[in-house]
Amino acid sequence: MGNPKSIDDINAMDYEDFISHFGNVIENCSLIAAAVWRFRPFRDVVHLHEALCSFVDDLPVSGQEGILRSHPDLAGRVAAAGALTAESTLEQRSAGLSQLTAEERAELTNLNERYRGKFGFPFVVCARQNKKNSIFEGMHVRLNNSAEEEVAKGVQEVKKICYLRLLDLVVHEAIESKY
């Protein structure tokens, strides 16, 4: 998180400043920001998002799974310890995950464990575009998917999260949402 920068300021950023500003647009994956820095100049926030998404799409499945494993469980141990990134804290709060009943917390813990046990990475969803009820429903539905389907679905959710985080970090004209 940080104060939004103009695309001209972003294109003028040195490597370290770019990583500092964009290092968490994909959760805990500053390496991706480091990799796309070389593609400057960017025309706008959409062009920057496309560069990040292309990098992710070009990764082997193991790399995409690694990105998914970089995400915390929803309302899990990391959240309980107050150790989420600032972005994840706000996103999970906006979905209502910071105000779960004891019953909801137990159900979510169970779902997180089942999901991670089946797929080897946490359930990833764009929390800003969901509320707790839709997240619970989505977890139940997605537990029936294959590993291949879940990697693809998880990566699509990562791209949504990335786009919304970019909109917080880049001064932009009013644009129609991609998602």
Protein backbone atom coordinates (compact mmCIF):
# COMPACT_ATOMS: atom_id res chain seq x y z
CA MET A 1 0.00 0.00 0.00
CA GLY A 2 1.14 3.51 -0.59
CA ASN A 3 0.13 6.75 -2.09
CA PRO A 4 -0.87 6.51 -5.76
CA LYS A 5 1.74 7.53 -8.31
CA SER A 6 1.27 8.81 -11.83
CA ILE A 7 2.26 6.53 -14.67
CA ASP A 8 5.05 8.99 -15.55
CA ASP A 9 6.41 8.74 -12.00
CA ILE A 10 6.14 4.95 -12.17
CA ASN A 11 8.01 4.80 -15.46
CA ALA A 12 10.76 6.96 -13.94
CA MET A 13 11.13 4.76 -10.85
CA ASP A 14 14.39 2.98 -10.27
CA TYR A 15 14.32 -0.74 -9.62
CA GLU A 16 14.23 -0.53 -5.82
CA ASP A 17 11.45 2.08 -5.73
CA PHE A 18 9.38 0.07 -8.20
CA ILE A 19 9.68 -3.07 -6.08
CA SER A 20 8.92 -1.09 -2.93
CA HIS A 21 5.76 0.33 -4.51
CA PHE A 22 4.50 -2.79 -6.34
CA GLY A 23 6.13 -5.66 -4.45
CA ASN A 24 2.88 -6.89 -2.93
CA VAL A 25 0.39 -6.43 -5.77
CA ILE A 26 0.72 -10.19 -6.02
CA GLU A 27 0.77 -11.35 -2.40
CA ASN A 28 4.29 -11.80 -1.03
CA CYS A 29 5.73 -12.08 -4.56
CA SER A 30 7.98 -9.06 -5.00
CA LEU A 31 10.00 -11.12 -7.49
CA ILE A 32 7.19 -10.61 -10.01
CA ALA A 33 7.39 -6.83 -9.66
CA ALA A 34 11.17 -7.14 -10.03
CA ALA A 35 10.72 -9.11 -13.24
CA VAL A 36 8.27 -6.72 -14.93
CA TRP A 37 10.21 -3.53 -14.06
CA ARG A 38 12.22 -4.02 -17.24
CA PHE A 39 9.08 -3.70 -19.38
CA ARG A 40 8.74 0.01 -18.61
CA PRO A 41 7.48 2.33 -19.92
CA PHE A 42 3.90 1.37 -19.19
CA ARG A 43 1.10 3.21 -21.00
CA ASP A 44 -1.29 3.02 -18.06
CA VAL A 45 -2.44 0.86 -15.17
CA VAL A 46 -4.03 -1.67 -17.54
CA HIS A 47 -0.75 -2.09 -19.44
CA LEU A 48 1.09 -2.65 -16.13
CA HIS A 49 -1.52 -5.23 -15.10
CA GLU A 50 -1.15 -7.00 -18.45
CA ALA A 51 2.62 -7.22 -17.93
CA LEU A 52 2.17 -8.74 -14.47
CA CYS A 53 -0.47 -11.19 -15.74
CA SER A 54 1.66 -12.23 -18.71
CA PHE A 55 4.53 -13.02 -16.37
CA VAL A 56 2.23 -15.17 -14.20
CA ASP A 57 0.68 -16.88 -17.24
CA ASP A 58 4.12 -17.78 -18.58
CA LEU A 59 5.14 -19.54 -15.37
CA PRO A 60 5.02 -23.32 -15.24
CA VAL A 61 2.22 -24.77 -13.11
CA SER A 62 4.68 -25.23 -10.23
CA GLY A 63 5.41 -21.50 -10.28
CA GLN A 64 1.71 -20.64 -10.36
CA GLU A 65 1.16 -22.99 -7.42
CA GLY A 66 4.00 -21.17 -5.63
CA ILE A 67 2.15 -17.88 -6.08
CA LEU A 68 -0.98 -19.45 -4.61
CA ARG A 69 1.03 -20.82 -1.67
CA SER A 70 2.21 -17.27 -0.95
CA HIS A 71 -1.33 -16.33 0.07
CA PRO A 72 -2.50 -16.77 3.66
CA ASP A 73 -5.48 -18.88 4.65
CA LEU A 74 -8.60 -16.75 4.91
CA ALA A 75 -9.05 -15.69 8.56
CA GLY A 76 -6.39 -18.27 9.46
CA ARG A 77 -3.43 -18.36 11.84
CA VAL A 78 -1.60 -15.50 10.13
CA ALA A 79 -4.67 -13.28 10.48
CA ALA A 80 -5.18 -14.33 14.11
CA ALA A 81 -1.56 -13.40 14.84
CA GLY A 82 -2.06 -9.97 13.24
CA ALA A 83 0.65 -10.79 10.71
CA LEU A 84 -1.23 -10.35 7.41
CA THR A 85 0.07 -7.84 4.93
CA ALA A 86 -1.68 -4.48 5.14
CA GLU A 87 -3.44 -5.25 1.85
CA SER A 88 -4.73 -8.65 2.99
CA THR A 89 -5.88 -7.20 6.31
CA LEU A 90 -8.05 -4.62 4.55
CA GLU A 91 -9.31 -7.10 1.98
CA GLN A 92 -10.29 -9.75 4.51
CA ARG A 93 -11.92 -7.10 6.70
CA SER A 94 -13.95 -5.78 3.74
CA ALA A 95 -15.32 -9.30 3.18
CA GLY A 96 -16.39 -9.56 6.82
CA LEU A 97 -13.78 -12.17 7.70
CA SER A 98 -12.53 -10.21 10.70
CA GLN A 99 -15.92 -10.51 12.38
CA LEU A 100 -16.71 -14.21 12.26
CA THR A 101 -18.76 -15.98 14.88
CA ALA A 102 -17.09 -18.88 16.70
CA GLU A 103 -19.14 -21.27 14.55
CA GLU A 104 -18.12 -19.52 11.31
CA ARG A 105 -14.45 -19.47 12.37
CA ALA A 106 -14.57 -23.23 13.08
CA GLU A 107 -16.21 -23.91 9.71
CA LEU A 108 -13.69 -21.73 7.87
CA THR A 109 -10.79 -23.42 9.64
CA ASN A 110 -12.18 -26.80 8.59
CA LEU A 111 -12.68 -25.64 5.00
CA ASN A 112 -9.17 -24.13 4.88
CA GLU A 113 -7.67 -27.41 6.12
CA ARG A 114 -9.66 -29.54 3.68
CA TYR A 115 -8.83 -27.27 0.75
CA ARG A 116 -5.12 -27.05 1.56
CA GLY A 117 -5.01 -30.80 2.17
CA LYS A 118 -6.55 -31.54 -1.22
CA PHE A 119 -4.70 -28.99 -3.36
CA GLY A 120 -1.49 -28.15 -1.47
CA PHE A 121 -2.13 -24.41 -1.44
CA PRO A 122 -4.66 -22.15 0.25
CA PHE A 123 -8.03 -21.13 -1.15
CA VAL A 124 -7.52 -17.86 -3.02
CA VAL A 125 -10.42 -15.55 -3.76
CA CYS A 126 -10.65 -11.83 -4.40
CA ALA A 127 -12.05 -10.93 -0.97
CA ARG A 128 -12.85 -7.36 -2.04
CA GLN A 129 -15.36 -8.74 -4.53
CA ASN A 130 -16.99 -11.12 -2.04
CA LYS A 131 -18.59 -11.26 1.37
CA LYS A 132 -18.14 -14.06 3.86
CA ASN A 133 -21.24 -15.99 2.75
CA SER A 134 -20.12 -16.12 -0.89
CA ILE A 135 -16.62 -17.10 0.23
CA PHE A 136 -17.98 -20.03 2.25
CA GLU A 137 -20.17 -21.10 -0.69
CA GLY A 138 -17.23 -20.77 -3.10
CA MET A 139 -15.02 -22.93 -0.91
CA HIS A 140 -17.66 -25.68 -0.75
CA VAL A 141 -18.08 -25.61 -4.54
CA ARG A 142 -14.39 -25.36 -5.39
CA LEU A 143 -13.47 -28.29 -3.14
CA ASN A 144 -15.09 -30.45 -5.85
CA ASN A 145 -12.73 -29.16 -8.57
CA SER A 146 -9.64 -30.88 -9.90
CA ALA A 147 -6.19 -29.57 -9.01
CA GLU A 148 -5.80 -28.22 -12.55
CA GLU A 149 -9.10 -26.35 -12.30
CA GLU A 150 -8.11 -24.88 -8.94
CA VAL A 151 -4.71 -23.66 -10.11
CA ALA A 152 -6.43 -21.91 -13.03
CA LYS A 153 -9.20 -20.50 -10.82
CA GLY A 154 -6.72 -19.41 -8.15
CA VAL A 155 -4.55 -17.63 -10.71
CA GLN A 156 -7.63 -15.81 -12.08
CA GLU A 157 -8.42 -14.66 -8.52
CA VAL A 158 -4.79 -13.52 -8.05
CA LYS A 159 -5.14 -11.40 -11.19
CA LYS A 160 -8.30 -9.76 -9.81
CA ILE A 161 -6.58 -9.04 -6.50
CA CYS A 162 -3.58 -7.64 -8.37
CA TYR A 163 -5.75 -5.36 -10.51
CA LEU A 164 -7.56 -3.87 -7.53
CA ARG A 165 -4.28 -3.36 -5.69
CA LEU A 166 -2.84 -1.62 -8.74
CA LEU A 167 -5.83 0.71 -8.83
CA ASP A 168 -4.87 1.73 -5.28
CA LEU A 169 -1.27 2.43 -6.31
CA VAL A 170 -1.54 4.08 -9.72
CA VAL A 171 -3.25 7.37 -10.51
CA HIS A 172 -5.69 6.53 -13.28
CA GLU A 173 -8.65 7.88 -15.12
CA ALA A 174 -12.01 6.41 -14.27
CA ILE A 175 -11.84 3.09 -16.06
CA GLU A 176 -14.24 0.26 -16.47
CA SER A 177 -13.34 -2.68 -14.31
CA LYS A 178 -11.74 -5.63 -16.07
CA TYR A 179 -13.38 -7.99 -13.61
